[in-house]
Amino acid sequence: MQMDTTARFGYRDFIKLCRVTDPENWEDCFSVRGDGVYVREHQGILTPAEREAISEHPTGNLKEPALPFPCSLVQFQVFLERQRLYPYVDPFDMLEWALARSSPPSASAKSASGSAVVQETLLVLVATLCDYKGIDHKERGAARRIAKMTEEFGVPVSDDTVRRVLERIPNALENRQK
């Protein structure tokens, strides 16, 4: 599966992933609205340093969302890092969200990987049949013996073609034995 890197986060996603229970007063300094997450102006008594810390905003304009919706996965990540909010995102919820937006491999990718598995399986079968017939597929002359057998069977295959197939057997066996 491949993650859809163009996936967008919206209000609903943010509420779920960040477990927001009070959108108007989330974590005492944010307001989560339909168009984004805003940094709230804190009304309590604060020192200038405290006010500066809770008023951090990417543009400095508190009338704009610090994280606009919809946003990209990268924007969401940057926002979480900047505001130190990673603990609010449940990793299992995030995984579920990502999987829901994942796409299965394309038909061509499935076809390519499927044909590779089939080829590997056929190579293992050739190695097994060679062993059964007492032919060491790595031994000199093995290609010629097998080519002769294909002629006798009525479907001739050249020595060179058989040799190219036999050369691929060790990798196929190694992959299967892992």
C-alpha atoms as a PDB file:
ATOM      1  CA  MET A   1       0.000   0.000   0.000  1.00  0.00           C
ATOM      2  CA  GLN A   2       1.092   3.526  -0.676  1.00  0.00           C
ATOM      3  CA  MET A   3       0.248   6.542   1.427  1.00  0.00           C
ATOM      4  CA  ASP A   4      -1.603   9.250  -0.467  1.00  0.00           C
ATOM      5  CA  THR A   5       0.828  12.150  -0.027  1.00  0.00           C
ATOM      6  CA  THR A   6      -1.790  14.578  -1.333  1.00  0.00           C
ATOM      7  CA  ALA A   7      -4.209  13.636   1.456  1.00  0.00           C
ATOM      8  CA  ARG A   8      -5.692  16.650   3.206  1.00  0.00           C
ATOM      9  CA  PHE A   9      -6.617  17.162   6.833  1.00  0.00           C
ATOM     10  CA  GLY A  10      -9.825  18.939   7.624  1.00  0.00           C
ATOM     11  CA  TYR A  11     -11.712  19.997  10.742  1.00  0.00           C
ATOM     12  CA  ARG A  12     -13.198  16.532  11.281  1.00  0.00           C
ATOM     13  CA  ASP A  13      -9.795  14.819  10.954  1.00  0.00           C
ATOM     14  CA  PHE A  14      -8.143  17.264  13.343  1.00  0.00           C
ATOM     15  CA  ILE A  15     -10.892  16.888  15.975  1.00  0.00           C
ATOM     16  CA  LYS A  16     -10.583  13.098  15.861  1.00  0.00           C
ATOM     17  CA  LEU A  17      -6.792  12.777  15.671  1.00  0.00           C
ATOM     18  CA  CYS A  18      -6.053  15.411  18.319  1.00  0.00           C
ATOM     19  CA  ARG A  19      -8.931  14.291  20.549  1.00  0.00           C
ATOM     20  CA  VAL A  20     -10.415  17.763  20.791  1.00  0.00           C
ATOM     21  CA  THR A  21     -13.308  17.829  23.271  1.00  0.00           C
ATOM     22  CA  ASP A  22     -13.806  21.610  23.488  1.00  0.00           C
ATOM     23  CA  PRO A  23     -13.080  23.176  20.076  1.00  0.00           C
ATOM     24  CA  GLU A  24     -13.504  26.761  21.314  1.00  0.00           C
ATOM     25  CA  ASN A  25     -11.040  26.346  24.155  1.00  0.00           C
ATOM     26  CA  TRP A  26      -8.692  23.553  23.195  1.00  0.00           C
ATOM     27  CA  GLU A  27      -5.689  23.332  25.507  1.00  0.00           C
ATOM     28  CA  ASP A  28      -6.455  26.833  26.856  1.00  0.00           C
ATOM     29  CA  CYS A  29      -4.799  28.577  23.928  1.00  0.00           C
ATOM     30  CA  PHE A  30      -6.394  27.268  20.704  1.00  0.00           C
ATOM     31  CA  SER A  31      -9.734  27.532  19.011  1.00  0.00           C
ATOM     32  CA  VAL A  32     -10.510  24.833  16.448  1.00  0.00           C
ATOM     33  CA  ARG A  33     -12.912  26.126  13.803  1.00  0.00           C
ATOM     34  CA  GLY A  34     -14.146  24.947  10.446  1.00  0.00           C
ATOM     35  CA  ASP A  35     -11.425  26.804   8.555  1.00  0.00           C
ATOM     36  CA  GLY A  36      -8.490  26.036  10.843  1.00  0.00           C
ATOM     37  CA  VAL A  37      -6.848  26.127  14.250  1.00  0.00           C
ATOM     38  CA  TYR A  38      -6.470  29.606  15.747  1.00  0.00           C
ATOM     39  CA  VAL A  39      -4.214  30.786  18.525  1.00  0.00           C
ATOM     40  CA  ARG A  40      -6.501  32.358  21.134  1.00  0.00           C
ATOM     41  CA  GLU A  41      -5.726  35.619  22.853  1.00  0.00           C
ATOM     42  CA  HIS A  42      -5.349  34.646  26.477  1.00  0.00           C
ATOM     43  CA  GLN A  43      -7.334  36.842  28.862  1.00  0.00           C
ATOM     44  CA  GLY A  44      -5.610  35.918  32.120  1.00  0.00           C
ATOM     45  CA  ILE A  45      -2.755  37.634  33.875  1.00  0.00           C
ATOM     46  CA  LEU A  46       0.481  36.555  32.222  1.00  0.00           C
ATOM     47  CA  THR A  47       4.045  37.764  32.139  1.00  0.00           C
ATOM     48  CA  PRO A  48       5.235  39.021  28.739  1.00  0.00           C
ATOM     49  CA  ALA A  49       7.332  35.843  28.306  1.00  0.00           C
ATOM     50  CA  GLU A  50       4.325  33.616  29.025  1.00  0.00           C
ATOM     51  CA  ARG A  51       2.112  35.621  26.659  1.00  0.00           C
ATOM     52  CA  GLU A  52       4.776  35.362  23.945  1.00  0.00           C
ATOM     53  CA  ALA A  53       5.096  31.590  24.413  1.00  0.00           C
ATOM     54  CA  ILE A  54       1.366  30.865  24.120  1.00  0.00           C
ATOM     55  CA  SER A  55       0.892  33.330  21.256  1.00  0.00           C
ATOM     56  CA  GLU A  56       3.337  31.619  18.875  1.00  0.00           C
ATOM     57  CA  HIS A  57       1.890  31.843  15.370  1.00  0.00           C
ATOM     58  CA  PRO A  58       3.492  31.100  11.983  1.00  0.00           C
ATOM     59  CA  THR A  59       2.426  34.449  10.476  1.00  0.00           C
ATOM     60  CA  GLY A  60       2.149  36.476  13.672  1.00  0.00           C
ATOM     61  CA  ASN A  61      -1.443  37.391  12.775  1.00  0.00           C
ATOM     62  CA  LEU A  62      -3.817  35.909  15.360  1.00  0.00           C
ATOM     63  CA  LYS A  63      -6.779  36.666  13.085  1.00  0.00           C
ATOM     64  CA  GLU A  64      -5.529  33.980  10.673  1.00  0.00           C
ATOM     65  CA  PRO A  65      -5.495  30.262  11.471  1.00  0.00           C
ATOM     66  CA  ALA A  66      -2.147  28.949  12.666  1.00  0.00           C
ATOM     67  CA  LEU A  67      -3.125  25.785  10.799  1.00  0.00           C
ATOM     68  CA  PRO A  68      -5.602  26.372   7.954  1.00  0.00           C
ATOM     69  CA  PHE A  69      -8.032  23.639   6.882  1.00  0.00           C
ATOM     70  CA  PRO A  70      -7.717  21.757   4.720  1.00  0.00           C
ATOM     71  CA  CYS A  71      -4.001  21.256   5.246  1.00  0.00           C
ATOM     72  CA  SER A  72      -1.417  18.765   4.048  1.00  0.00           C
ATOM     73  CA  LEU A  73       0.152  16.045   6.156  1.00  0.00           C
ATOM     74  CA  VAL A  74       3.374  18.084   6.229  1.00  0.00           C
ATOM     75  CA  GLN A  75       1.554  21.223   7.450  1.00  0.00           C
ATOM     76  CA  PHE A  76      -0.140  19.150  10.155  1.00  0.00           C
ATOM     77  CA  GLN A  77       3.223  17.720  11.244  1.00  0.00           C
ATOM     78  CA  VAL A  78       4.908  21.143  11.327  1.00  0.00           C
ATOM     79  CA  PHE A  79       2.042  22.546  13.381  1.00  0.00           C
ATOM     80  CA  LEU A  80       2.263  19.678  15.882  1.00  0.00           C
ATOM     81  CA  GLU A  81       6.031  20.118  16.192  1.00  0.00           C
ATOM     82  CA  ARG A  82       5.912  23.901  16.532  1.00  0.00           C
ATOM     83  CA  GLN A  83       3.187  23.789  19.157  1.00  0.00           C
ATOM     84  CA  ARG A  84       4.612  20.686  20.887  1.00  0.00           C
ATOM     85  CA  LEU A  85       1.335  18.841  20.457  1.00  0.00           C
ATOM     86  CA  TYR A  86       2.488  15.358  19.379  1.00  0.00           C
ATOM     87  CA  PRO A  87       1.283  13.783  22.649  1.00  0.00           C
ATOM     88  CA  TYR A  88      -2.282  14.725  21.690  1.00  0.00           C
ATOM     89  CA  VAL A  89      -2.264  12.516  18.591  1.00  0.00           C
ATOM     90  CA  ASP A  90      -2.946   8.864  19.254  1.00  0.00           C
ATOM     91  CA  PRO A  91      -0.587   6.836  17.031  1.00  0.00           C
ATOM     92  CA  PHE A  92      -3.218   4.148  16.405  1.00  0.00           C
ATOM     93  CA  ASP A  93      -5.773   6.744  15.322  1.00  0.00           C
ATOM     94  CA  MET A  94      -3.127   8.247  13.030  1.00  0.00           C
ATOM     95  CA  LEU A  95      -2.342   4.831  11.554  1.00  0.00           C
ATOM     96  CA  GLU A  96      -6.031   4.168  10.968  1.00  0.00           C
ATOM     97  CA  TRP A  97      -6.375   7.579   9.292  1.00  0.00           C
ATOM     98  CA  ALA A  98      -3.354   6.892   7.053  1.00  0.00           C
ATOM     99  CA  LEU A  99      -4.553   3.409   6.106  1.00  0.00           C
ATOM    100  CA  ALA A 100      -7.963   4.773   5.165  1.00  0.00           C
ATOM    101  CA  ARG A 101      -6.210   7.102   2.734  1.00  0.00           C
ATOM    102  CA  SER A 102      -3.798   4.511   1.396  1.00  0.00           C
ATOM    103  CA  SER A 103      -4.263   3.106  -2.011  1.00  0.00           C
ATOM    104  CA  PRO A 104      -3.636  -0.492  -2.888  1.00  0.00           C
ATOM    105  CA  PRO A 105      -0.787  -1.008  -5.335  1.00  0.00           C
ATOM    106  CA  SER A 106      -1.696  -0.120  -8.892  1.00  0.00           C
ATOM    107  CA  ALA A 107      -2.705  -2.890 -11.272  1.00  0.00           C
ATOM    108  CA  SER A 108       0.641  -2.625 -13.051  1.00  0.00           C
ATOM    109  CA  ALA A 109       2.553  -2.839  -9.737  1.00  0.00           C
ATOM    110  CA  LYS A 110       0.451  -5.851  -8.713  1.00  0.00           C
ATOM    111  CA  SER A 111       1.032  -7.412 -12.109  1.00  0.00           C
ATOM    112  CA  ALA A 112       4.789  -6.820 -11.932  1.00  0.00           C
ATOM    113  CA  SER A 113       5.116  -8.171  -8.399  1.00  0.00           C
ATOM    114  CA  GLY A 114       2.730 -11.017  -9.182  1.00  0.00           C
ATOM    115  CA  SER A 115       4.688 -12.050 -12.257  1.00  0.00           C
ATOM    116  CA  ALA A 116       7.952 -11.885 -10.258  1.00  0.00           C
ATOM    117  CA  VAL A 117       6.472 -14.276  -7.679  1.00  0.00           C
ATOM    118  CA  VAL A 118       5.271 -16.596 -10.441  1.00  0.00           C
ATOM    119  CA  GLN A 119       8.700 -16.539 -12.106  1.00  0.00           C
ATOM    120  CA  GLU A 120      10.420 -17.263  -8.812  1.00  0.00           C
ATOM    121  CA  THR A 121       8.030 -20.154  -8.163  1.00  0.00           C
ATOM    122  CA  LEU A 122       8.688 -21.591 -11.622  1.00  0.00           C
ATOM    123  CA  LEU A 123      12.443 -21.380 -11.030  1.00  0.00           C
ATOM    124  CA  VAL A 124      12.035 -23.276  -7.751  1.00  0.00           C
ATOM    125  CA  LEU A 125      10.013 -25.915  -9.603  1.00  0.00           C
ATOM    126  CA  VAL A 126      12.728 -26.235 -12.282  1.00  0.00           C
ATOM    127  CA  ALA A 127      15.357 -26.669  -9.536  1.00  0.00           C
ATOM    128  CA  THR A 128      13.187 -29.311  -7.855  1.00  0.00           C
ATOM    129  CA  LEU A 129      12.674 -31.237 -11.109  1.00  0.00           C
ATOM    130  CA  CYS A 130      16.396 -31.026 -11.878  1.00  0.00           C
ATOM    131  CA  ASP A 131      17.151 -32.492  -8.479  1.00  0.00           C
ATOM    132  CA  TYR A 132      14.540 -35.213  -8.983  1.00  0.00           C
ATOM    133  CA  LYS A 133      16.111 -36.161 -12.336  1.00  0.00           C
ATOM    134  CA  GLY A 134      19.622 -36.102 -10.864  1.00  0.00           C
ATOM    135  CA  ILE A 135      20.703 -32.958 -12.730  1.00  0.00           C
ATOM    136  CA  ASP A 136      22.827 -30.409 -10.870  1.00  0.00           C
ATOM    137  CA  HIS A 137      21.556 -27.134 -12.348  1.00  0.00           C
ATOM    138  CA  LYS A 138      24.910 -25.451 -11.527  1.00  0.00           C
ATOM    139  CA  GLU A 139      26.956 -28.108 -13.305  1.00  0.00           C
ATOM    140  CA  ARG A 140      28.471 -27.669 -16.772  1.00  0.00           C
ATOM    141  CA  GLY A 141      26.355 -29.449 -19.379  1.00  0.00           C
ATOM    142  CA  ALA A 142      23.098 -29.169 -17.402  1.00  0.00           C
ATOM    143  CA  ALA A 143      21.602 -26.722 -19.926  1.00  0.00           C
ATOM    144  CA  ARG A 144      22.383 -29.067 -22.811  1.00  0.00           C
ATOM    145  CA  ARG A 145      20.826 -32.068 -21.017  1.00  0.00           C
ATOM    146  CA  ILE A 146      17.627 -30.138 -20.249  1.00  0.00           C
ATOM    147  CA  ALA A 147      17.449 -28.725 -23.814  1.00  0.00           C
ATOM    148  CA  LYS A 148      17.670 -32.288 -25.147  1.00  0.00           C
ATOM    149  CA  MET A 149      14.837 -33.321 -22.807  1.00  0.00           C
ATOM    150  CA  THR A 150      12.642 -30.488 -24.177  1.00  0.00           C
ATOM    151  CA  GLU A 151      13.300 -31.752 -27.723  1.00  0.00           C
ATOM    152  CA  GLU A 152      12.274 -35.268 -26.693  1.00  0.00           C
ATOM    153  CA  PHE A 153       9.139 -33.824 -25.103  1.00  0.00           C
ATOM    154  CA  GLY A 154       8.273 -32.185 -28.436  1.00  0.00           C
ATOM    155  CA  VAL A 155       8.707 -28.541 -27.361  1.00  0.00           C
ATOM    156  CA  PRO A 156      12.353 -27.663 -28.033  1.00  0.00           C
ATOM    157  CA  VAL A 157      14.060 -24.910 -26.013  1.00  0.00           C
ATOM    158  CA  SER A 158      17.564 -23.761 -26.962  1.00  0.00           C
ATOM    159  CA  ASP A 159      20.623 -24.395 -24.777  1.00  0.00           C
ATOM    160  CA  ASP A 160      21.095 -20.621 -24.329  1.00  0.00           C
ATOM    161  CA  THR A 161      17.526 -20.112 -23.109  1.00  0.00           C
ATOM    162  CA  VAL A 162      17.835 -23.001 -20.664  1.00  0.00           C
ATOM    163  CA  ARG A 163      21.204 -21.622 -19.467  1.00  0.00           C
ATOM    164  CA  ARG A 164      19.671 -18.168 -18.776  1.00  0.00           C
ATOM    165  CA  VAL A 165      16.891 -19.813 -16.770  1.00  0.00           C
ATOM    166  CA  LEU A 166      19.309 -21.985 -14.809  1.00  0.00           C
ATOM    167  CA  GLU A 167      21.447 -18.929 -13.947  1.00  0.00           C
ATOM    168  CA  ARG A 168      18.455 -17.412 -12.135  1.00  0.00           C
ATOM    169  CA  ILE A 169      17.752 -20.427  -9.929  1.00  0.00           C
ATOM    170  CA  PRO A 170      20.243 -19.630  -7.118  1.00  0.00           C
ATOM    171  CA  ASN A 171      18.630 -16.199  -6.439  1.00  0.00           C
ATOM    172  CA  ALA A 172      15.141 -17.687  -6.477  1.00  0.00           C
ATOM    173  CA  LEU A 173      16.138 -20.398  -4.032  1.00  0.00           C
ATOM    174  CA  GLU A 174      17.882 -17.878  -1.783  1.00  0.00           C
ATOM    175  CA  ASN A 175      14.807 -15.600  -1.752  1.00  0.00           C
ATOM    176  CA  ARG A 176      12.525 -18.496  -0.838  1.00  0.00           C
ATOM    177  CA  GLN A 177      14.795 -19.770   1.925  1.00  0.00           C
ATOM    178  CA  LYS A 178      14.909 -16.411   3.753  1.00  0.00           C
END
